[in-house]
Structure formats: structure tokens, C-alpha cells
Amino acid sequence: MDGAKRLSALQQFKLARRRAKLEKLLSRLTGRKDDLLLFDDVQQALALTHPKKEQLKEIPLDSIVGTVSRYYDFNRQFNPMLDSDEERWAKVKELVETKGLDPIEVYQVGDIYFVLDGNHRVSVSRHLGTETIEAYVKEFRTEVDLDPDDDIEDVVLKAEWNELMADTQLYWVRPDVEIKVTVPGRYEEVKEHIAVHRHYMGLEREEEISIEEASASWVDNVYLPAVEAIREQKLLEDFPGRTETDLYLWLKKHQRELESDWHRAVPDSDAAADLTLRFGERLWHRFWTKLISKISK
């Protein structure tokens, strides 16, 4: 073993570890997760089964964002997370420079890849600035569009959105209306709202209502009027990071609570105004601004 190459490999490992620590710090500051995706989590979220026949091909290294087993050993950029990995990482680095690398083994889901075998080879290759790597690829079919920047919450939300669209036909009956939530589980709430609306439509008309007609009617007569009230009250300014669909669900829940308390029907506009009054950040901002102003005088 060449002493100079070994020393160089160990120094490169230390550099990769420093990068990992810096990326961890940046992740905490920005709130963006820097963990690898774990294949088991994605497989469960998307109900993946029966991959296609294995193929040998070149794949982009920056699209490898997950692993099957080495979840804690590397971050999303495949920089090493453990000081104890020094010897193995350095050895792989030396092999790259002397003999080259054997193909890695990966699972493909959409446009992203999960390492089955070869995590260290991916780490070293990315550290060296290589753009592609040879891999044996087993592809799992999915209708969900995944991106390299997705974390597991993004994957779950995309899967739930696809399920909602398939079950309600919303995307096809009202393609220009965006239905988007930020918390897993809330698409199921949207589905329940449509189901209730469909039920009452059927009772009123004394006939079975198709899901397409019910979904279109829910958008036109329930969802969009509530969204209009949300926009009039500028609720998105009070609840940053949320969407109109998030606020619609909260508005309707709050509306039911008010109707129970006040023993009368409560229009969307009144429920939206009450939300702003009770929970809006602008109100608290104004309160603290006035308080600080008085204290400073």
C-alpha cells in the first residue's frame, strides 16, 4: 500500500467529514432535512412491489439520495457522518485511484435512486466530483413524481395527493384549481369533505351522484367560496408556510365549532374573520409592536 496515497485518502476523508458537519449545521439553520431517504419508508409510502429486471447503466450521482441500509452513515450529499468510517472510506478512495470501481447496486423509484450495495463508492465518487456512476439498477414503477430534493414527508404528501386525485377525479374535473396541503393525512380530510358533500347531494336529489359531479360541485360551491373568504381576510399572511387548502380545512373545522357555540349558521367570511382575530400573527405582531413602543417611551 502506497504511503502517500494512503495519507492523501485519509486527508480527503477528513475533508469530507468537515463538509458533513457544515451541511448538518446548515440543515439546522435552514430547517431543510439533510438525511438520506430510507428505501423501506418510501416503499411503504408508495406500496412498491415487483421491480423490473435488473439493468446495467450509467446513472447521475446527484440523483442518488437514498439507501437501503446505511441511513446513519452518510448525509444527503453522501458525505460520511461517522469518524469511525475513516479506514474503510480511505481504502475505497485508494481503490478508485488504482483499480477503479465495480458497479454499485441500486433501486430506482421515479427519478431517484437508493443504494443497495456501494454506499462508500458513491460517497468517494461524489467527493471527487464525478457526475455519473455505473450501476446495476432495479426499477420500481410508480405514478408519483419524485425529485432528488424530496424528503420522506414530501414523498408521503405526493403519494397521498395521487391517491386523492385518483379517488375523486379532482385533477380532471377542475384542473385549474390547486389542492395542496403541507401536513400528511390532510388529503384524507379533503376526501372526507367531498364524500360528505356527495352524500347530501344524493339526499337532496334522491339519486346516486357520481364522484366526478360531486367533486366538481364541492370545488364550486364549498371550496372556492371558502378560499375567497380566506383571501379577503389575507389569512395566508397570518399563517405563513401554509396553503389555501390547509386554511380551508382549518376554517371549516373552526366554522363547525363556532356554529356549535353560537347555535346558528356561520358564514365562511365570519369564520375567517374570527380565525384572524384569535390566531392571526398580524394581530400579535401589532400587539407586541404597540407594547414595545409604550415601554420604550
C-alpha atoms as a PDB file:
ATOM      1  CA  MET A   1       0.000   0.000   0.000  1.00  0.00           C
ATOM      2  CA  ASP A   2       1.461   3.329  -1.081  1.00  0.00           C
ATOM      3  CA  GLY A   3       2.018   5.534   1.981  1.00  0.00           C
ATOM      4  CA  ALA A   4       1.488   8.805   0.115  1.00  0.00           C
ATOM      5  CA  LYS A   5      -1.813   7.613  -1.392  1.00  0.00           C
ATOM      6  CA  ARG A   6      -2.979   6.371   1.991  1.00  0.00           C
ATOM      7  CA  LEU A   7      -2.165   9.696   3.646  1.00  0.00           C
ATOM      8  CA  SER A   8      -3.943  11.557   0.847  1.00  0.00           C
ATOM      9  CA  ALA A   9      -7.013   9.317   1.210  1.00  0.00           C
ATOM     10  CA  LEU A  10      -7.149   9.904   4.980  1.00  0.00           C
ATOM     11  CA  GLN A  11      -6.882  13.663   4.457  1.00  0.00           C
ATOM     12  CA  GLN A  12      -9.697  13.545   1.911  1.00  0.00           C
ATOM     13  CA  PHE A  13     -11.864  11.662   4.407  1.00  0.00           C
ATOM     14  CA  LYS A  14     -11.283  14.387   6.996  1.00  0.00           C
ATOM     15  CA  LEU A  15     -12.298  16.986   4.411  1.00  0.00           C
ATOM     16  CA  ALA A  16     -15.460  15.030   3.618  1.00  0.00           C
ATOM     17  CA  ARG A  17     -16.264  14.815   7.343  1.00  0.00           C
ATOM     18  CA  ARG A  18     -15.853  18.588   7.707  1.00  0.00           C
ATOM     19  CA  ARG A  19     -18.251  19.083   4.835  1.00  0.00           C
ATOM     20  CA  ALA A  20     -20.765  16.775   6.518  1.00  0.00           C
ATOM     21  CA  LYS A  21     -20.565  18.775   9.751  1.00  0.00           C
ATOM     22  CA  LEU A  22     -21.038  22.049   7.885  1.00  0.00           C
ATOM     23  CA  GLU A  23     -24.010  20.622   5.965  1.00  0.00           C
ATOM     24  CA  LYS A  24     -25.516  19.452   9.253  1.00  0.00           C
ATOM     25  CA  LEU A  25     -25.234  22.970  10.631  1.00  0.00           C
ATOM     26  CA  LEU A  26     -26.765  24.490   7.506  1.00  0.00           C
ATOM     27  CA  SER A  27     -29.600  21.961   7.720  1.00  0.00           C
ATOM     28  CA  ARG A  28     -30.402  23.088  11.252  1.00  0.00           C
ATOM     29  CA  LEU A  29     -30.277  26.749  10.300  1.00  0.00           C
ATOM     30  CA  THR A  30     -32.487  26.376   7.226  1.00  0.00           C
ATOM     31  CA  GLY A  31     -34.818  23.704   8.564  1.00  0.00           C
ATOM     32  CA  ARG A  32     -34.228  21.586   5.467  1.00  0.00           C
ATOM     33  CA  LYS A  33     -33.590  17.948   6.282  1.00  0.00           C
ATOM     34  CA  ASP A  34     -30.237  16.596   5.213  1.00  0.00           C
ATOM     35  CA  ASP A  35     -30.861  12.901   5.864  1.00  0.00           C
ATOM     36  CA  LEU A  36     -30.812  10.195   3.262  1.00  0.00           C
ATOM     37  CA  LEU A  37     -34.147   8.726   2.273  1.00  0.00           C
ATOM     38  CA  LEU A  38     -34.613   5.217   3.609  1.00  0.00           C
ATOM     39  CA  PHE A  39     -35.915   2.843   0.964  1.00  0.00           C
ATOM     40  CA  ASP A  40     -38.187   0.936   3.360  1.00  0.00           C
ATOM     41  CA  ASP A  41     -40.031   4.163   4.221  1.00  0.00           C
ATOM     42  CA  VAL A  42     -40.517   5.080   0.564  1.00  0.00           C
ATOM     43  CA  GLN A  43     -41.534   1.532  -0.345  1.00  0.00           C
ATOM     44  CA  GLN A  44     -44.195   1.590   2.350  1.00  0.00           C
ATOM     45  CA  ALA A  45     -45.441   5.076   1.418  1.00  0.00           C
ATOM     46  CA  LEU A  46     -45.777   4.185  -2.270  1.00  0.00           C
ATOM     47  CA  ALA A  47     -46.692   0.490  -1.842  1.00  0.00           C
ATOM     48  CA  LEU A  48     -43.870  -0.524  -4.184  1.00  0.00           C
ATOM     49  CA  THR A  49     -43.767  -4.131  -5.386  1.00  0.00           C
ATOM     50  CA  HIS A  50     -42.033  -6.236  -8.043  1.00  0.00           C
ATOM     51  CA  PRO A  51     -39.148  -4.286  -9.597  1.00  0.00           C
ATOM     52  CA  LYS A  52     -38.331  -4.575 -13.275  1.00  0.00           C
ATOM     53  CA  LYS A  53     -35.479  -6.769 -14.461  1.00  0.00           C
ATOM     54  CA  GLU A  54     -32.038  -5.535 -13.431  1.00  0.00           C
ATOM     55  CA  GLN A  55     -30.136  -3.406 -15.939  1.00  0.00           C
ATOM     56  CA  LEU A  56     -26.552  -2.157 -16.026  1.00  0.00           C
ATOM     57  CA  LYS A  57     -26.329   1.547 -16.876  1.00  0.00           C
ATOM     58  CA  GLU A  58     -24.756   4.883 -16.012  1.00  0.00           C
ATOM     59  CA  ILE A  59     -26.801   6.928 -13.540  1.00  0.00           C
ATOM     60  CA  PRO A  60     -26.341  10.511 -12.274  1.00  0.00           C
ATOM     61  CA  LEU A  61     -24.708  10.622  -8.858  1.00  0.00           C
ATOM     62  CA  ASP A  62     -26.731  13.614  -7.672  1.00  0.00           C
ATOM     63  CA  SER A  63     -29.926  11.594  -8.161  1.00  0.00           C
ATOM     64  CA  ILE A  64     -28.769   9.019  -5.600  1.00  0.00           C
ATOM     65  CA  VAL A  65     -30.437  10.377  -2.476  1.00  0.00           C
ATOM     66  CA  GLY A  66     -31.365   7.268  -0.526  1.00  0.00           C
ATOM     67  CA  THR A  67     -30.104   3.990   0.839  1.00  0.00           C
ATOM     68  CA  VAL A  68     -31.391   0.583   1.807  1.00  0.00           C
ATOM     69  CA  SER A  69     -29.335   0.133   4.968  1.00  0.00           C
ATOM     70  CA  ARG A  70     -26.710   2.872   5.585  1.00  0.00           C
ATOM     71  CA  TYR A  71     -29.163   5.520   6.754  1.00  0.00           C
ATOM     72  CA  TYR A  72     -26.985   6.920   9.567  1.00  0.00           C
ATOM     73  CA  ASP A  73     -23.588   6.573   7.867  1.00  0.00           C
ATOM     74  CA  PHE A  74     -23.969   9.298   5.215  1.00  0.00           C
ATOM     75  CA  ASN A  75     -25.910  12.510   4.693  1.00  0.00           C
ATOM     76  CA  ARG A  76     -27.941  13.513   1.623  1.00  0.00           C
ATOM     77  CA  GLN A  77     -24.744  14.540  -0.210  1.00  0.00           C
ATOM     78  CA  PHE A  78     -23.203  11.187   0.780  1.00  0.00           C
ATOM     79  CA  ASN A  79     -20.559  12.807   2.923  1.00  0.00           C
ATOM     80  CA  PRO A  80     -19.572  10.468   5.803  1.00  0.00           C
ATOM     81  CA  MET A  81     -21.238  11.053   9.174  1.00  0.00           C
ATOM     82  CA  LEU A  82     -19.061   8.752  11.317  1.00  0.00           C
ATOM     83  CA  ASP A  83     -15.419   9.289  12.271  1.00  0.00           C
ATOM     84  CA  SER A  84     -15.112   5.515  12.696  1.00  0.00           C
ATOM     85  CA  ASP A  85     -15.654   5.113   8.934  1.00  0.00           C
ATOM     86  CA  GLU A  86     -12.223   6.589   8.180  1.00  0.00           C
ATOM     87  CA  GLU A  87     -10.326   3.385   7.315  1.00  0.00           C
ATOM     88  CA  ARG A  88     -12.988   1.919   5.059  1.00  0.00           C
ATOM     89  CA  TRP A  89     -13.644   5.195   3.239  1.00  0.00           C
ATOM     90  CA  ALA A  90      -9.912   5.769   2.684  1.00  0.00           C
ATOM     91  CA  LYS A  91      -9.493   2.231   1.368  1.00  0.00           C
ATOM     92  CA  VAL A  92     -12.253   2.746  -1.190  1.00  0.00           C
ATOM     93  CA  LYS A  93     -10.655   6.047  -2.174  1.00  0.00           C
ATOM     94  CA  GLU A  94      -7.356   4.247  -2.862  1.00  0.00           C
ATOM     95  CA  LEU A  95      -9.124   1.579  -4.917  1.00  0.00           C
ATOM     96  CA  VAL A  96     -10.727   4.265  -7.064  1.00  0.00           C
ATOM     97  CA  GLU A  97      -7.299   5.626  -7.941  1.00  0.00           C
ATOM     98  CA  THR A  98      -5.648   2.252  -8.563  1.00  0.00           C
ATOM     99  CA  LYS A  99      -8.176  -0.294  -9.848  1.00  0.00           C
ATOM    100  CA  GLY A 100     -11.361   1.668 -10.461  1.00  0.00           C
ATOM    101  CA  LEU A 101     -14.778   0.783  -9.087  1.00  0.00           C
ATOM    102  CA  ASP A 102     -17.090  -2.167  -9.592  1.00  0.00           C
ATOM    103  CA  PRO A 103     -20.682  -1.175 -10.435  1.00  0.00           C
ATOM    104  CA  ILE A 104     -22.867  -0.369  -7.460  1.00  0.00           C
ATOM    105  CA  GLU A 105     -26.358  -1.829  -6.970  1.00  0.00           C
ATOM    106  CA  VAL A 106     -29.365   0.483  -6.653  1.00  0.00           C
ATOM    107  CA  TYR A 107     -33.142   0.583  -6.601  1.00  0.00           C
ATOM    108  CA  GLN A 108     -34.764   3.207  -8.820  1.00  0.00           C
ATOM    109  CA  VAL A 109     -38.049   4.898  -7.883  1.00  0.00           C
ATOM    110  CA  GLY A 110     -39.117   7.580 -10.335  1.00  0.00           C
ATOM    111  CA  ASP A 111     -36.048   9.699 -10.980  1.00  0.00           C
ATOM    112  CA  ILE A 112     -34.228   8.928  -7.736  1.00  0.00           C
ATOM    113  CA  TYR A 113     -32.030   6.044  -6.606  1.00  0.00           C
ATOM    114  CA  PHE A 114     -31.402   4.104  -3.393  1.00  0.00           C
ATOM    115  CA  VAL A 115     -28.096   2.339  -2.776  1.00  0.00           C
ATOM    116  CA  LEU A 116     -28.405  -1.379  -2.120  1.00  0.00           C
ATOM    117  CA  ASP A 117     -24.660  -2.005  -2.302  1.00  0.00           C
ATOM    118  CA  GLY A 118     -21.895   0.576  -2.773  1.00  0.00           C
ATOM    119  CA  ASN A 119     -22.575   3.460  -0.370  1.00  0.00           C
ATOM    120  CA  HIS A 120     -18.851   4.134   0.114  1.00  0.00           C
ATOM    121  CA  ARG A 121     -18.238   4.084  -3.637  1.00  0.00           C
ATOM    122  CA  VAL A 122     -20.978   6.677  -4.067  1.00  0.00           C
ATOM    123  CA  SER A 123     -19.505   8.803  -1.264  1.00  0.00           C
ATOM    124  CA  VAL A 124     -15.990   8.760  -2.702  1.00  0.00           C
ATOM    125  CA  SER A 125     -17.215   9.373  -6.256  1.00  0.00           C
ATOM    126  CA  ARG A 126     -19.272  12.372  -5.208  1.00  0.00           C
ATOM    127  CA  HIS A 127     -16.355  13.720  -3.197  1.00  0.00           C
ATOM    128  CA  LEU A 128     -14.184  13.500  -6.306  1.00  0.00           C
ATOM    129  CA  GLY A 129     -16.725  15.437  -8.350  1.00  0.00           C
ATOM    130  CA  THR A 130     -17.713  12.558 -10.623  1.00  0.00           C
ATOM    131  CA  GLU A 131     -21.065  13.137 -12.339  1.00  0.00           C
ATOM    132  CA  THR A 132     -22.171   9.565 -13.101  1.00  0.00           C
ATOM    133  CA  ILE A 133     -21.535   6.062 -11.828  1.00  0.00           C
ATOM    134  CA  GLU A 134     -22.096   2.611 -13.295  1.00  0.00           C
ATOM    135  CA  ALA A 135     -24.857   0.714 -11.517  1.00  0.00           C
ATOM    136  CA  TYR A 136     -26.983  -2.406 -11.622  1.00  0.00           C
ATOM    137  CA  VAL A 137     -30.475  -0.887 -11.477  1.00  0.00           C
ATOM    138  CA  LYS A 138     -33.726  -2.479 -10.381  1.00  0.00           C
ATOM    139  CA  GLU A 139     -36.582  -0.080 -11.127  1.00  0.00           C
ATOM    140  CA  PHE A 140     -39.851   0.075  -9.213  1.00  0.00           C
ATOM    141  CA  ARG A 141     -42.806   1.505 -11.128  1.00  0.00           C
ATOM    142  CA  THR A 142     -44.737   4.388  -9.544  1.00  0.00           C
ATOM    143  CA  GLU A 143     -47.129   7.093 -10.672  1.00  0.00           C
ATOM    144  CA  VAL A 144     -45.651   9.501  -8.131  1.00  0.00           C
ATOM    145  CA  ASP A 145     -43.129  12.020  -9.471  1.00  0.00           C
ATOM    146  CA  LEU A 146     -40.191  12.103  -7.058  1.00  0.00           C
ATOM    147  CA  ASP A 147     -37.400  14.690  -7.071  1.00  0.00           C
ATOM    148  CA  PRO A 148     -33.889  14.445  -5.601  1.00  0.00           C
ATOM    149  CA  ASP A 149     -34.735  17.200  -3.095  1.00  0.00           C
ATOM    150  CA  ASP A 150     -37.728  15.335  -1.637  1.00  0.00           C
ATOM    151  CA  ASP A 151     -37.669  14.166   1.974  1.00  0.00           C
ATOM    152  CA  ILE A 152     -39.921  11.405   3.304  1.00  0.00           C
ATOM    153  CA  GLU A 153     -42.695  13.895   4.150  1.00  0.00           C
ATOM    154  CA  ASP A 154     -42.647  15.119   0.536  1.00  0.00           C
ATOM    155  CA  VAL A 155     -42.909  11.515  -0.659  1.00  0.00           C
ATOM    156  CA  VAL A 156     -45.870  10.794   1.608  1.00  0.00           C
ATOM    157  CA  LEU A 157     -47.631  14.006   0.567  1.00  0.00           C
ATOM    158  CA  LYS A 158     -47.139  13.252  -3.126  1.00  0.00           C
ATOM    159  CA  ALA A 159     -48.444   9.711  -2.650  1.00  0.00           C
ATOM    160  CA  GLU A 160     -51.492  10.977  -0.757  1.00  0.00           C
ATOM    161  CA  TRP A 161     -52.142  13.640  -3.418  1.00  0.00           C
ATOM    162  CA  ASN A 162     -52.070  10.989  -6.152  1.00  0.00           C
ATOM    163  CA  GLU A 163     -54.481   8.840  -4.183  1.00  0.00           C
ATOM    164  CA  LEU A 164     -56.856  11.772  -3.660  1.00  0.00           C
ATOM    165  CA  MET A 165     -56.850  12.624  -7.365  1.00  0.00           C
ATOM    166  CA  ALA A 166     -57.458   9.002  -8.347  1.00  0.00           C
ATOM    167  CA  ASP A 167     -60.327   8.595  -5.864  1.00  0.00           C
ATOM    168  CA  THR A 168     -62.067  11.927  -6.514  1.00  0.00           C
ATOM    169  CA  GLN A 169     -61.090  12.798 -10.105  1.00  0.00           C
ATOM    170  CA  LEU A 170     -60.427  16.359  -8.892  1.00  0.00           C
ATOM    171  CA  TYR A 171     -57.484  16.890 -11.206  1.00  0.00           C
ATOM    172  CA  TRP A 172     -59.596  16.084 -14.248  1.00  0.00           C
ATOM    173  CA  VAL A 173     -62.858  17.852 -13.352  1.00  0.00           C
ATOM    174  CA  ARG A 174     -61.191  21.045 -12.056  1.00  0.00           C
ATOM    175  CA  PRO A 175     -57.591  21.035 -13.375  1.00  0.00           C
ATOM    176  CA  ASP A 176     -57.082  24.776 -12.765  1.00  0.00           C
ATOM    177  CA  VAL A 177     -57.825  24.570  -9.025  1.00  0.00           C
ATOM    178  CA  GLU A 178     -54.796  23.746  -6.864  1.00  0.00           C
ATOM    179  CA  ILE A 179     -55.434  21.397  -3.963  1.00  0.00           C
ATOM    180  CA  LYS A 180     -52.304  21.283  -1.821  1.00  0.00           C
ATOM    181  CA  VAL A 181     -51.681  20.603   1.871  1.00  0.00           C
ATOM    182  CA  THR A 182     -48.489  20.690   3.912  1.00  0.00           C
ATOM    183  CA  VAL A 183     -49.191  18.018   6.523  1.00  0.00           C
ATOM    184  CA  PRO A 184     -49.555  14.272   5.820  1.00  0.00           C
ATOM    185  CA  GLY A 185     -53.080  12.999   6.439  1.00  0.00           C
ATOM    186  CA  ARG A 186     -54.900  16.127   5.361  1.00  0.00           C
ATOM    187  CA  TYR A 187     -55.619  14.911   1.852  1.00  0.00           C
ATOM    188  CA  GLU A 188     -57.730  12.230   3.529  1.00  0.00           C
ATOM    189  CA  GLU A 189     -59.677  15.040   5.211  1.00  0.00           C
ATOM    190  CA  VAL A 190     -60.295  16.621   1.800  1.00  0.00           C
ATOM    191  CA  LYS A 191     -61.610  13.281   0.573  1.00  0.00           C
ATOM    192  CA  GLU A 192     -63.967  13.100   3.559  1.00  0.00           C
ATOM    193  CA  HIS A 193     -65.298  16.600   2.828  1.00  0.00           C
ATOM    194  CA  ILE A 194     -66.106  15.565  -0.732  1.00  0.00           C
ATOM    195  CA  ALA A 195     -67.733  12.343   0.462  1.00  0.00           C
ATOM    196  CA  VAL A 196     -69.995  14.281   2.852  1.00  0.00           C
ATOM    197  CA  HIS A 197     -70.883  16.761   0.101  1.00  0.00           C
ATOM    198  CA  ARG A 198     -71.686  13.877  -2.244  1.00  0.00           C
ATOM    199  CA  HIS A 199     -73.886  12.267   0.413  1.00  0.00           C
ATOM    200  CA  TYR A 200     -76.008  15.378   0.913  1.00  0.00           C
ATOM    201  CA  MET A 201     -76.256  15.969  -2.836  1.00  0.00           C
ATOM    202  CA  GLY A 202     -77.669  12.467  -3.154  1.00  0.00           C
ATOM    203  CA  LEU A 203     -80.199  13.024  -0.371  1.00  0.00           C
ATOM    204  CA  GLU A 204     -81.346  16.312  -1.894  1.00  0.00           C
ATOM    205  CA  ARG A 205     -81.756  14.909  -5.391  1.00  0.00           C
ATOM    206  CA  GLU A 206     -82.785  11.401  -4.318  1.00  0.00           C
ATOM    207  CA  GLU A 207     -80.315   9.774  -6.673  1.00  0.00           C
ATOM    208  CA  GLU A 208     -76.775   8.451  -6.788  1.00  0.00           C
ATOM    209  CA  ILE A 209     -74.233  11.179  -7.542  1.00  0.00           C
ATOM    210  CA  SER A 210     -71.089  10.339  -9.473  1.00  0.00           C
ATOM    211  CA  ILE A 211     -67.778  11.154  -7.840  1.00  0.00           C
ATOM    212  CA  GLU A 212     -66.908  13.437 -10.752  1.00  0.00           C
ATOM    213  CA  GLU A 213     -70.053  15.517 -10.303  1.00  0.00           C
ATOM    214  CA  ALA A 214     -69.674  15.607  -6.526  1.00  0.00           C
ATOM    215  CA  SER A 215     -66.050  16.712  -6.720  1.00  0.00           C
ATOM    216  CA  ALA A 216     -66.835  19.484  -9.201  1.00  0.00           C
ATOM    217  CA  SER A 217     -69.763  20.673  -7.083  1.00  0.00           C
ATOM    218  CA  TRP A 218     -67.648  20.633  -3.907  1.00  0.00           C
ATOM    219  CA  VAL A 219     -64.990  22.800  -5.569  1.00  0.00           C
ATOM    220  CA  ASP A 220     -67.519  25.282  -6.984  1.00  0.00           C
ATOM    221  CA  ASN A 221     -69.910  25.535  -4.051  1.00  0.00           C
ATOM    222  CA  VAL A 222     -67.840  24.771  -0.964  1.00  0.00           C
ATOM    223  CA  TYR A 223     -64.113  25.038  -1.526  1.00  0.00           C
ATOM    224  CA  LEU A 224     -63.799  28.136  -3.717  1.00  0.00           C
ATOM    225  CA  PRO A 225     -66.224  30.276  -1.634  1.00  0.00           C
ATOM    226  CA  ALA A 226     -64.181  29.402   1.469  1.00  0.00           C
ATOM    227  CA  VAL A 227     -60.942  30.201  -0.357  1.00  0.00           C
ATOM    228  CA  GLU A 228     -62.397  33.564  -1.366  1.00  0.00           C
ATOM    229  CA  ALA A 229     -63.066  34.327   2.316  1.00  0.00           C
ATOM    230  CA  ILE A 230     -59.508  33.258   3.156  1.00  0.00           C
ATOM    231  CA  ARG A 231     -58.152  35.633   0.519  1.00  0.00           C
ATOM    232  CA  GLU A 232     -60.365  38.522   1.660  1.00  0.00           C
ATOM    233  CA  GLN A 233     -59.077  38.151   5.223  1.00  0.00           C
ATOM    234  CA  LYS A 234     -55.484  37.659   3.936  1.00  0.00           C
ATOM    235  CA  LEU A 235     -55.167  34.599   6.142  1.00  0.00           C
ATOM    236  CA  LEU A 236     -52.079  33.344   4.312  1.00  0.00           C
ATOM    237  CA  GLU A 237     -50.241  36.362   5.727  1.00  0.00           C
ATOM    238  CA  ASP A 238     -51.291  35.325   9.228  1.00  0.00           C
ATOM    239  CA  PHE A 239     -50.252  31.707   8.783  1.00  0.00           C
ATOM    240  CA  PRO A 240     -47.017  31.650   6.757  1.00  0.00           C
ATOM    241  CA  GLY A 241     -45.907  28.329   5.359  1.00  0.00           C
ATOM    242  CA  ARG A 242     -49.477  27.089   4.960  1.00  0.00           C
ATOM    243  CA  THR A 243     -51.582  26.767   1.831  1.00  0.00           C
ATOM    244  CA  GLU A 244     -55.131  27.759   0.977  1.00  0.00           C
ATOM    245  CA  THR A 245     -56.175  24.115   1.318  1.00  0.00           C
ATOM    246  CA  ASP A 246     -54.599  23.924   4.785  1.00  0.00           C
ATOM    247  CA  LEU A 247     -56.548  27.013   5.787  1.00  0.00           C
ATOM    248  CA  TYR A 248     -59.748  25.747   4.165  1.00  0.00           C
ATOM    249  CA  LEU A 249     -59.641  22.643   6.382  1.00  0.00           C
ATOM    250  CA  TRP A 250     -58.915  24.724   9.467  1.00  0.00           C
ATOM    251  CA  LEU A 251     -61.587  27.245   8.527  1.00  0.00           C
ATOM    252  CA  LYS A 252     -64.252  24.553   8.163  1.00  0.00           C
ATOM    253  CA  LYS A 253     -63.293  22.976  11.494  1.00  0.00           C
ATOM    254  CA  HIS A 254     -63.414  26.383  13.181  1.00  0.00           C
ATOM    255  CA  GLN A 255     -66.710  27.139  11.459  1.00  0.00           C
ATOM    256  CA  ARG A 256     -68.294  23.981  12.932  1.00  0.00           C
ATOM    257  CA  GLU A 257     -67.020  24.886  16.405  1.00  0.00           C
ATOM    258  CA  LEU A 258     -68.457  28.404  16.132  1.00  0.00           C
ATOM    259  CA  GLU A 259     -71.836  27.093  14.957  1.00  0.00           C
ATOM    260  CA  SER A 260     -71.914  24.767  17.940  1.00  0.00           C
ATOM    261  CA  ASP A 261     -71.041  27.609  20.321  1.00  0.00           C
ATOM    262  CA  TRP A 262     -73.240  30.270  18.742  1.00  0.00           C
ATOM    263  CA  HIS A 263     -76.174  27.968  17.845  1.00  0.00           C
ATOM    264  CA  ARG A 264     -76.540  29.415  14.368  1.00  0.00           C
ATOM    265  CA  ALA A 265     -75.095  29.126  10.887  1.00  0.00           C
ATOM    266  CA  VAL A 266     -71.756  30.909  10.478  1.00  0.00           C
ATOM    267  CA  PRO A 267     -70.755  32.195   7.016  1.00  0.00           C
ATOM    268  CA  ASP A 268     -67.235  31.498   5.732  1.00  0.00           C
ATOM    269  CA  SER A 269     -66.383  35.195   5.974  1.00  0.00           C
ATOM    270  CA  ASP A 270     -67.312  35.356   9.683  1.00  0.00           C
ATOM    271  CA  ALA A 271     -65.347  32.195  10.461  1.00  0.00           C
ATOM    272  CA  ALA A 272     -62.320  33.564   8.591  1.00  0.00           C
ATOM    273  CA  ALA A 273     -62.531  36.885  10.435  1.00  0.00           C
ATOM    274  CA  ASP A 274     -62.737  35.080  13.771  1.00  0.00           C
ATOM    275  CA  LEU A 275     -59.691  32.966  12.896  1.00  0.00           C
ATOM    276  CA  THR A 276     -57.740  36.100  12.163  1.00  0.00           C
ATOM    277  CA  LEU A 277     -58.889  37.728  15.391  1.00  0.00           C
ATOM    278  CA  ARG A 278     -57.993  34.752  17.564  1.00  0.00           C
ATOM    279  CA  PHE A 279     -54.902  33.274  15.953  1.00  0.00           C
ATOM    280  CA  GLY A 280     -53.530  35.606  13.297  1.00  0.00           C
ATOM    281  CA  GLU A 281     -49.855  36.514  13.545  1.00  0.00           C
ATOM    282  CA  ARG A 282     -50.525  40.048  12.322  1.00  0.00           C
ATOM    283  CA  LEU A 283     -52.672  40.717  15.377  1.00  0.00           C
ATOM    284  CA  TRP A 284     -49.944  39.557  17.752  1.00  0.00           C
ATOM    285  CA  HIS A 285     -47.360  41.486  15.787  1.00  0.00           C
ATOM    286  CA  ARG A 286     -49.404  44.667  16.180  1.00  0.00           C
ATOM    287  CA  PHE A 287     -49.914  43.953  19.898  1.00  0.00           C
ATOM    288  CA  TRP A 288     -46.219  43.477  20.600  1.00  0.00           C
ATOM    289  CA  THR A 289     -45.288  46.461  18.449  1.00  0.00           C
ATOM    290  CA  LYS A 290     -47.605  48.711  20.472  1.00  0.00           C
ATOM    291  CA  LEU A 291     -46.412  47.205  23.772  1.00  0.00           C
ATOM    292  CA  ILE A 292     -42.731  47.679  22.930  1.00  0.00           C
ATOM    293  CA  SER A 293     -43.475  51.216  21.729  1.00  0.00           C
ATOM    294  CA  LYS A 294     -45.102  52.101  25.070  1.00  0.00           C
ATOM    295  CA  ILE A 295     -42.283  50.535  27.091  1.00  0.00           C
ATOM    296  CA  SER A 296     -39.611  52.377  25.138  1.00  0.00           C
ATOM    297  CA  LYS A 297     -41.212  55.800  25.703  1.00  0.00           C
END
